PDB file of N, CA and C in Angstrom:
ATOM      1  N   MET A   1      16.806  16.043   5.760  1.00  0.00           N
ATOM      2  CA  MET A   1      17.251  17.283   5.171  1.00  0.00           C
ATOM      3  C   MET A   1      18.633  17.064   4.574  1.00  0.00           C
ATOM      4  N   GLU A   2      18.847  17.545   3.383  1.00  0.00           N
ATOM      5  CA  GLU A   2      20.119  17.365   2.712  1.00  0.00           C
ATOM      6  C   GLU A   2      21.175  18.301   3.284  1.00  0.00           C
ATOM      7  N   LYS A   3      22.433  17.941   3.059  1.00  0.00           N
ATOM      8  CA  LYS A   3      23.543  18.724   3.588  1.00  0.00           C
ATOM      9  C   LYS A   3      23.512  20.159   3.073  1.00  0.00           C
ATOM     10  N   ASN A   4      23.229  20.368   1.788  1.00  0.00           N
ATOM     11  CA  ASN A   4      23.208  21.716   1.222  1.00  0.00           C
ATOM     12  C   ASN A   4      22.121  22.565   1.866  1.00  0.00           C
ATOM     13  N   GLN A   5      20.977  21.983   2.174  1.00  0.00           N
ATOM     14  CA  GLN A   5      19.906  22.728   2.815  1.00  0.00           C
ATOM     15  C   GLN A   5      20.317  23.142   4.219  1.00  0.00           C
ATOM     16  N   GLN A   6      21.021  22.269   4.916  1.00  0.00           N
ATOM     17  CA  GLN A   6      21.483  22.604   6.261  1.00  0.00           C
ATOM     18  C   GLN A   6      22.495  23.739   6.206  1.00  0.00           C
ATOM     19  N   THR A   7      23.427  23.676   5.252  1.00  0.00           N
ATOM     20  CA  THR A   7      24.441  24.700   5.124  1.00  0.00           C
ATOM     21  C   THR A   7      23.809  26.047   4.805  1.00  0.00           C
ATOM     22  N   MET A   8      22.793  26.058   3.969  1.00  0.00           N
ATOM     23  CA  MET A   8      22.153  27.308   3.603  1.00  0.00           C
ATOM     24  C   MET A   8      21.438  27.926   4.797  1.00  0.00           C
ATOM     25  N   GLN A   9      21.001  27.131   5.740  1.00  0.00           N
ATOM     26  CA  GLN A   9      20.333  27.650   6.926  1.00  0.00           C
ATOM     27  C   GLN A   9      21.321  28.263   7.906  1.00  0.00           C
ATOM     28  N   LEU A  10      22.580  27.895   7.811  1.00  0.00           N
ATOM     29  CA  LEU A  10      23.612  28.408   8.698  1.00  0.00           C
ATOM     30  C   LEU A  10      24.140  29.714   8.120  1.00  0.00           C
ATOM     31  N   THR A  11      23.623  30.819   8.600  1.00  0.00           N
ATOM     32  CA  THR A  11      23.986  32.129   8.073  1.00  0.00           C
ATOM     33  C   THR A  11      24.773  32.915   9.111  1.00  0.00           C
ATOM     34  N   VAL A  12      25.458  33.943   8.637  1.00  0.00           N
ATOM     35  CA  VAL A  12      26.198  34.819   9.542  1.00  0.00           C
ATOM     36  C   VAL A  12      25.239  35.497  10.518  1.00  0.00           C
ATOM     37  N   GLY A  13      24.063  35.870  10.030  1.00  0.00           N
ATOM     38  CA  GLY A  13      23.068  36.492  10.899  1.00  0.00           C
ATOM     39  C   GLY A  13      22.648  35.569  12.031  1.00  0.00           C
ATOM     40  N   LEU A  14      22.435  34.306  11.712  1.00  0.00           N
ATOM     41  CA  LEU A  14      22.058  33.326  12.732  1.00  0.00           C
ATOM     42  C   LEU A  14      23.183  33.175  13.745  1.00  0.00           C
ATOM     43  N   ILE A  15      24.405  33.104  13.273  1.00  0.00           N
ATOM     44  CA  ILE A  15      25.556  32.959  14.165  1.00  0.00           C
ATOM     45  C   ILE A  15      25.683  34.188  15.063  1.00  0.00           C
ATOM     46  N   ARG A  16      25.520  35.368  14.496  1.00  0.00           N
ATOM     47  CA  ARG A  16      25.611  36.604  15.298  1.00  0.00           C
ATOM     48  C   ARG A  16      24.540  36.643  16.376  1.00  0.00           C
ATOM     49  N   ARG A  17      23.334  36.224  16.028  1.00  0.00           N
ATOM     50  CA  ARG A  17      22.254  36.208  17.011  1.00  0.00           C
ATOM     51  C   ARG A  17      22.557  35.209  18.133  1.00  0.00           C
ATOM     52  N   ALA A  18      23.123  34.060  17.761  1.00  0.00           N
ATOM     53  CA  ALA A  18      23.474  33.053  18.761  1.00  0.00           C
ATOM     54  C   ALA A  18      24.594  33.555  19.670  1.00  0.00           C
ATOM     55  N   VAL A  19      25.580  34.221  19.087  1.00  0.00           N
ATOM     56  CA  VAL A  19      26.688  34.763  19.870  1.00  0.00           C
ATOM     57  C   VAL A  19      26.195  35.815  20.853  1.00  0.00           C
ATOM     58  N   SER A  20      25.212  36.597  20.443  1.00  0.00           N
ATOM     59  CA  SER A  20      24.686  37.640  21.329  1.00  0.00           C
ATOM     60  C   SER A  20      23.798  37.066  22.429  1.00  0.00           C
ATOM     61  N   GLY A  21      23.532  35.750  22.382  1.00  0.00           N
ATOM     62  CA  GLY A  21      22.801  35.101  23.450  1.00  0.00           C
ATOM     63  C   GLY A  21      21.338  34.830  23.159  1.00  0.00           C
ATOM     64  N   GLU A  22      20.901  35.055  21.932  1.00  0.00           N
ATOM     65  CA  GLU A  22      19.499  34.807  21.590  1.00  0.00           C
ATOM     66  C   GLU A  22      19.229  33.304  21.624  1.00  0.00           C
ATOM     67  N   ARG A  23      18.372  32.901  22.522  1.00  0.00           N
ATOM     68  CA  ARG A  23      18.113  31.469  22.757  1.00  0.00           C
ATOM     69  C   ARG A  23      17.553  30.768  21.523  1.00  0.00           C
ATOM     70  N   GLU A  24      16.664  31.416  20.794  1.00  0.00           N
ATOM     71  CA  GLU A  24      16.080  30.784  19.600  1.00  0.00           C
ATOM     72  C   GLU A  24      17.151  30.505  18.552  1.00  0.00           C
ATOM     73  N   ALA A  25      18.097  31.417  18.401  1.00  0.00           N
ATOM     74  CA  ALA A  25      19.188  31.217  17.439  1.00  0.00           C
ATOM     75  C   ALA A  25      20.100  30.074  17.894  1.00  0.00           C
ATOM     76  N   GLN A  26      20.357  29.997  19.193  1.00  0.00           N
ATOM     77  CA  GLN A  26      21.178  28.899  19.709  1.00  0.00           C
ATOM     78  C   GLN A  26      20.490  27.559  19.489  1.00  0.00           C
ATOM     79  N   ASP A  27      19.188  27.519  19.725  1.00  0.00           N
ATOM     80  CA  ASP A  27      18.436  26.285  19.488  1.00  0.00           C
ATOM     81  C   ASP A  27      18.469  25.894  18.012  1.00  0.00           C
ATOM     82  N   GLU A  28      18.383  26.877  17.134  1.00  0.00           N
ATOM     83  CA  GLU A  28      18.434  26.609  15.692  1.00  0.00           C
ATOM     84  C   GLU A  28      19.802  26.043  15.299  1.00  0.00           C
ATOM     85  N   LEU A  29      20.879  26.605  15.861  1.00  0.00           N
ATOM     86  CA  LEU A  29      22.216  26.070  15.573  1.00  0.00           C
ATOM     87  C   LEU A  29      22.341  24.628  16.052  1.00  0.00           C
ATOM     88  N   LEU A  30      21.821  24.349  17.234  1.00  0.00           N
ATOM     89  CA  LEU A  30      21.867  22.976  17.736  1.00  0.00           C
ATOM     90  C   LEU A  30      21.067  22.046  16.835  1.00  0.00           C
ATOM     91  N   ARG A  31      19.945  22.520  16.331  1.00  0.00           N
ATOM     92  CA  ARG A  31      19.135  21.696  15.429  1.00  0.00           C
ATOM     93  C   ARG A  31      19.892  21.420  14.126  1.00  0.00           C
ATOM     94  N   ILE A  32      20.576  22.425  13.607  1.00  0.00           N
ATOM     95  CA  ILE A  32      21.335  22.253  12.366  1.00  0.00           C
ATOM     96  C   ILE A  32      22.475  21.254  12.572  1.00  0.00           C
ATOM     97  N   TYR A  33      23.154  21.337  13.709  1.00  0.00           N
ATOM     98  CA  TYR A  33      24.297  20.471  13.985  1.00  0.00           C
ATOM     99  C   TYR A  33      23.912  19.107  14.561  1.00  0.00           C
ATOM    100  N   GLU A  34      22.644  18.906  14.888  1.00  0.00           N
ATOM    101  CA  GLU A  34      22.227  17.664  15.536  1.00  0.00           C
ATOM    102  C   GLU A  34      22.586  16.402  14.743  1.00  0.00           C
ATOM    103  N   PRO A  35      22.384  16.356  13.421  1.00  0.00           N
ATOM    104  CA  PRO A  35      22.792  15.131  12.693  1.00  0.00           C
ATOM    105  C   PRO A  35      24.288  14.843  12.813  1.00  0.00           C
ATOM    106  N   PHE A  36      25.099  15.889  12.825  1.00  0.00           N
ATOM    107  CA  PHE A  36      26.541  15.712  12.989  1.00  0.00           C
ATOM    108  C   PHE A  36      26.853  15.163  14.373  1.00  0.00           C
ATOM    109  N   HIS A  37      26.240  15.742  15.398  1.00  0.00           N
ATOM    110  CA  HIS A  37      26.453  15.253  16.761  1.00  0.00           C
ATOM    111  C   HIS A  37      26.009  13.800  16.889  1.00  0.00           C
ATOM    112  N   ASP A  38      24.860  13.477  16.311  1.00  0.00           N
ATOM    113  CA  ASP A  38      24.372  12.091  16.366  1.00  0.00           C
ATOM    114  C   ASP A  38      25.351  11.134  15.707  1.00  0.00           C
ATOM    115  N   SER A  39      25.919  11.542  14.568  1.00  0.00           N
ATOM    116  CA  SER A  39      26.849  10.656  13.858  1.00  0.00           C
ATOM    117  C   SER A  39      28.122  10.415  14.662  1.00  0.00           C
ATOM    118  N   LEU A  40      28.518  11.390  15.469  1.00  0.00           N
ATOM    119  CA  LEU A  40      29.709  11.218  16.294  1.00  0.00           C
ATOM    120  C   LEU A  40      29.464  10.296  17.488  1.00  0.00           C
ATOM    121  N   LEU A  41      28.236  10.287  17.981  1.00  0.00           N
ATOM    122  CA  LEU A  41      27.959   9.638  19.256  1.00  0.00           C
ATOM    123  C   LEU A  41      27.140   8.363  19.153  1.00  0.00           C
ATOM    124  N   VAL A  42      26.968   7.845  17.950  1.00  0.00           N
ATOM    125  CA  VAL A  42      26.213   6.609  17.786  1.00  0.00           C
ATOM    126  C   VAL A  42      27.172   5.421  17.910  1.00  0.00           C
ATOM    127  N   TYR A  43      26.685   4.367  18.501  1.00  0.00           N
ATOM    128  CA  TYR A  43      27.482   3.159  18.604  1.00  0.00           C
ATOM    129  C   TYR A  43      26.597   1.958  18.302  1.00  0.00           C
ATOM    130  N   ALA A  44      27.232   0.904  17.838  1.00  0.00           N
ATOM    131  CA  ALA A  44      26.510  -0.319  17.504  1.00  0.00           C
ATOM    132  C   ALA A  44      26.763  -1.341  18.608  1.00  0.00           C
ATOM    133  N   GLU A  45      25.694  -2.062  18.922  1.00  0.00           N
ATOM    134  CA  GLU A  45      25.795  -3.060  19.984  1.00  0.00           C
ATOM    135  C   GLU A  45      24.977  -4.278  19.584  1.00  0.00           C
ATOM    136  N   ALA A  46      25.533  -5.446  19.800  1.00  0.00           N
ATOM    137  CA  ALA A  46      24.815  -6.677  19.497  1.00  0.00           C
ATOM    138  C   ALA A  46      23.850  -6.974  20.636  1.00  0.00           C
ATOM    139  N   GLY A  47      22.601  -7.168  20.272  1.00  0.00           N
ATOM    140  CA  GLY A  47      21.593  -7.475  21.271  1.00  0.00           C
ATOM    141  C   GLY A  47      21.532  -8.961  21.578  1.00  0.00           C
ATOM    142  N   LEU A  48      20.751  -9.314  22.568  1.00  0.00           N
ATOM    143  CA  LEU A  48      20.588 -10.721  22.927  1.00  0.00           C
ATOM    144  C   LEU A  48      19.923 -11.515  21.805  1.00  0.00           C
ATOM    145  N   ASP A  49      19.184 -10.806  20.947  1.00  0.00           N
ATOM    146  CA  ASP A  49      18.524 -11.456  19.825  1.00  0.00           C
ATOM    147  C   ASP A  49      19.455 -11.669  18.634  1.00  0.00           C
ATOM    148  N   GLY A  50      20.729 -11.226  18.765  1.00  0.00           N
ATOM    149  CA  GLY A  50      21.705 -11.401  17.699  1.00  0.00           C
ATOM    150  C   GLY A  50      21.703 -10.275  16.676  1.00  0.00           C
ATOM    151  N   CYS A  51      20.787  -9.336  16.809  1.00  0.00           N
ATOM    152  CA  CYS A  51      20.730  -8.198  15.886  1.00  0.00           C
ATOM    153  C   CYS A  51      21.620  -7.068  16.391  1.00  0.00           C
ATOM    154  N   ILE A  52      22.080  -6.270  15.438  1.00  0.00           N
ATOM    155  CA  ILE A  52      22.883  -5.097  15.769  1.00  0.00           C
ATOM    156  C   ILE A  52      21.934  -3.929  16.025  1.00  0.00           C
ATOM    157  N   HIS A  53      22.087  -3.298  17.162  1.00  0.00           N
ATOM    158  CA  HIS A  53      21.265  -2.148  17.525  1.00  0.00           C
ATOM    159  C   HIS A  53      22.149  -0.909  17.571  1.00  0.00           C
ATOM    160  N   HIS A  54      21.677   0.168  16.971  1.00  0.00           N
ATOM    161  CA  HIS A  54      22.404   1.429  16.976  1.00  0.00           C
ATOM    162  C   HIS A  54      21.785   2.346  18.016  1.00  0.00           C
ATOM    163  N   GLU A  55      22.611   2.821  18.902  1.00  0.00           N
ATOM    164  CA  GLU A  55      22.157   3.679  19.996  1.00  0.00           C
ATOM    165  C   GLU A  55      22.974   4.967  19.983  1.00  0.00           C
ATOM    166  N   THR A  56      22.367   6.029  20.465  1.00  0.00           N
ATOM    167  CA  THR A  56      23.064   7.300  20.616  1.00  0.00           C
ATOM    168  C   THR A  56      23.254   7.561  22.099  1.00  0.00           C
ATOM    169  N   ARG A  57      24.426   7.954  22.465  1.00  0.00           N
ATOM    170  CA  ARG A  57      24.709   8.278  23.866  1.00  0.00           C
ATOM    171  C   ARG A  57      24.158   9.670  24.153  1.00  0.00           C
ATOM    172  N   GLU A  58      22.938   9.721  24.668  1.00  0.00           N
ATOM    173  CA  GLU A  58      22.241  10.985  24.888  1.00  0.00           C
ATOM    174  C   GLU A  58      22.943  11.863  25.922  1.00  0.00           C
ATOM    175  N   ASP A  59      23.546  11.243  26.948  1.00  0.00           N
ATOM    176  CA  ASP A  59      24.245  12.042  27.951  1.00  0.00           C
ATOM    177  C   ASP A  59      25.462  12.724  27.350  1.00  0.00           C
ATOM    178  N   TRP A  60      26.186  12.026  26.483  1.00  0.00           N
ATOM    179  CA  TRP A  60      27.334  12.627  25.818  1.00  0.00           C
ATOM    180  C   TRP A  60      26.880  13.698  24.841  1.00  0.00           C
ATOM    181  N   LYS A  61      25.759  13.442  24.171  1.00  0.00           N
ATOM    182  CA  LYS A  61      25.221  14.420  23.224  1.00  0.00           C
ATOM    183  C   LYS A  61      24.901  15.733  23.942  1.00  0.00           C
ATOM    184  N   SER A  62      24.308  15.635  25.110  1.00  0.00           N
ATOM    185  CA  SER A  62      24.012  16.834  25.902  1.00  0.00           C
ATOM    186  C   SER A  62      25.286  17.577  26.259  1.00  0.00           C
ATOM    187  N   MET A  63      26.328  16.842  26.616  1.00  0.00           N
ATOM    188  CA  MET A  63      27.603  17.481  26.958  1.00  0.00           C
ATOM    189  C   MET A  63      28.213  18.170  25.745  1.00  0.00           C
ATOM    190  N   VAL A  64      28.149  17.530  24.580  1.00  0.00           N
ATOM    191  CA  VAL A  64      28.679  18.136  23.347  1.00  0.00           C
ATOM    192  C   VAL A  64      27.906  19.402  23.010  1.00  0.00           C
ATOM    193  N   GLN A  65      26.589  19.353  23.135  1.00  0.00           N
ATOM    194  CA  GLN A  65      25.771  20.521  22.828  1.00  0.00           C
ATOM    195  C   GLN A  65      26.041  21.661  23.808  1.00  0.00           C
ATOM    196  N   MET A  66      26.205  21.342  25.083  1.00  0.00           N
ATOM    197  CA  MET A  66      26.520  22.381  26.062  1.00  0.00           C
ATOM    198  C   MET A  66      27.876  23.006  25.768  1.00  0.00           C
ATOM    199  N   ARG A  67      28.833  22.172  25.387  1.00  0.00           N
ATOM    200  CA  ARG A  67      30.174  22.676  25.050  1.00  0.00           C
ATOM    201  C   ARG A  67      30.120  23.551  23.795  1.00  0.00           C
ATOM    202  N   MET A  68      29.302  23.162  22.831  1.00  0.00           N
ATOM    203  CA  MET A  68      29.153  23.963  21.620  1.00  0.00           C
ATOM    204  C   MET A  68      28.576  25.337  21.953  1.00  0.00           C
ATOM    205  N   LEU A  69      27.554  25.373  22.797  1.00  0.00           N
ATOM    206  CA  LEU A  69      26.970  26.654  23.187  1.00  0.00           C
ATOM    207  C   LEU A  69      27.981  27.516  23.933  1.00  0.00           C
ATOM    208  N   GLN A  70      28.799  26.892  24.752  1.00  0.00           N
ATOM    209  CA  GLN A  70      29.832  27.637  25.466  1.00  0.00           C
ATOM    210  C   GLN A  70      30.841  28.225  24.472  1.00  0.00           C
ATOM    211  N   ALA A  71      31.233  27.442  23.470  1.00  0.00           N
ATOM    212  CA  ALA A  71      32.168  27.928  22.456  1.00  0.00           C
ATOM    213  C   ALA A  71      31.557  29.069  21.650  1.00  0.00           C
ATOM    214  N   ILE A  72      30.276  28.965  21.361  1.00  0.00           N
ATOM    215  CA  ILE A  72      29.593  30.031  20.629  1.00  0.00           C
ATOM    216  C   ILE A  72      29.653  31.326  21.428  1.00  0.00           C
ATOM    217  N   GLN A  73      29.398  31.235  22.713  1.00  0.00           N
ATOM    218  CA  GLN A  73      29.365  32.416  23.572  1.00  0.00           C
ATOM    219  C   GLN A  73      30.744  33.040  23.763  1.00  0.00           C
ATOM    220  N   THR A  74      31.793  32.242  23.779  1.00  0.00           N
ATOM    221  CA  THR A  74      33.120  32.770  24.096  1.00  0.00           C
ATOM    222  C   THR A  74      34.009  32.927  22.866  1.00  0.00           C
ATOM    223  N   ARG A  75      34.229  31.866  22.145  1.00  0.00           N
ATOM    224  CA  ARG A  75      35.213  31.900  21.056  1.00  0.00           C
ATOM    225  C   ARG A  75      34.681  32.525  19.777  1.00  0.00           C
ATOM    226  N   TRP A  76      33.437  32.245  19.435  1.00  0.00           N
ATOM    227  CA  TRP A  76      32.901  32.782  18.194  1.00  0.00           C
ATOM    228  C   TRP A  76      32.773  34.296  18.262  1.00  0.00           C
ATOM    229  N   ARG A  77      32.548  34.806  19.460  1.00  0.00           N
ATOM    230  CA  ARG A  77      32.387  36.254  19.642  1.00  0.00           C
ATOM    231  C   ARG A  77      33.597  37.006  19.117  1.00  0.00           C
ATOM    232  N   SER A  78      34.791  36.482  19.365  1.00  0.00           N
ATOM    233  CA  SER A  78      36.000  37.160  18.911  1.00  0.00           C
ATOM    234  C   SER A  78      36.209  37.041  17.404  1.00  0.00           C
ATOM    235  N   LEU A  79      35.569  36.059  16.778  1.00  0.00           N
ATOM    236  CA  LEU A  79      35.732  35.877  15.336  1.00  0.00           C
ATOM    237  C   LEU A  79      34.827  36.794  14.520  1.00  0.00           C
ATOM    238  N   LEU A  80      33.754  37.271  15.132  1.00  0.00           N
ATOM    239  CA  LEU A  80      32.822  38.120  14.405  1.00  0.00           C
ATOM    240  C   LEU A  80      33.255  39.522  14.563  1.00  0.00           C
TER     241      LEU A  80
END
């Protein structure tokens, strides 16, 4: 999905629904931000075969997503 398509999916209505606690809206926000989270948490590692392998730290990704949901519930509420 291209960046412009992702941005167009991020609407004020979606944000308001997520702030109010609607789980489907929160899941949609996480889906929209997932490529960004992946890009932050990917690392390259040389394997025993000499090839470079790219891995995502899934445990850190979960922590980032949980923190994002917490920020949506607390900080975004005051901005709307």
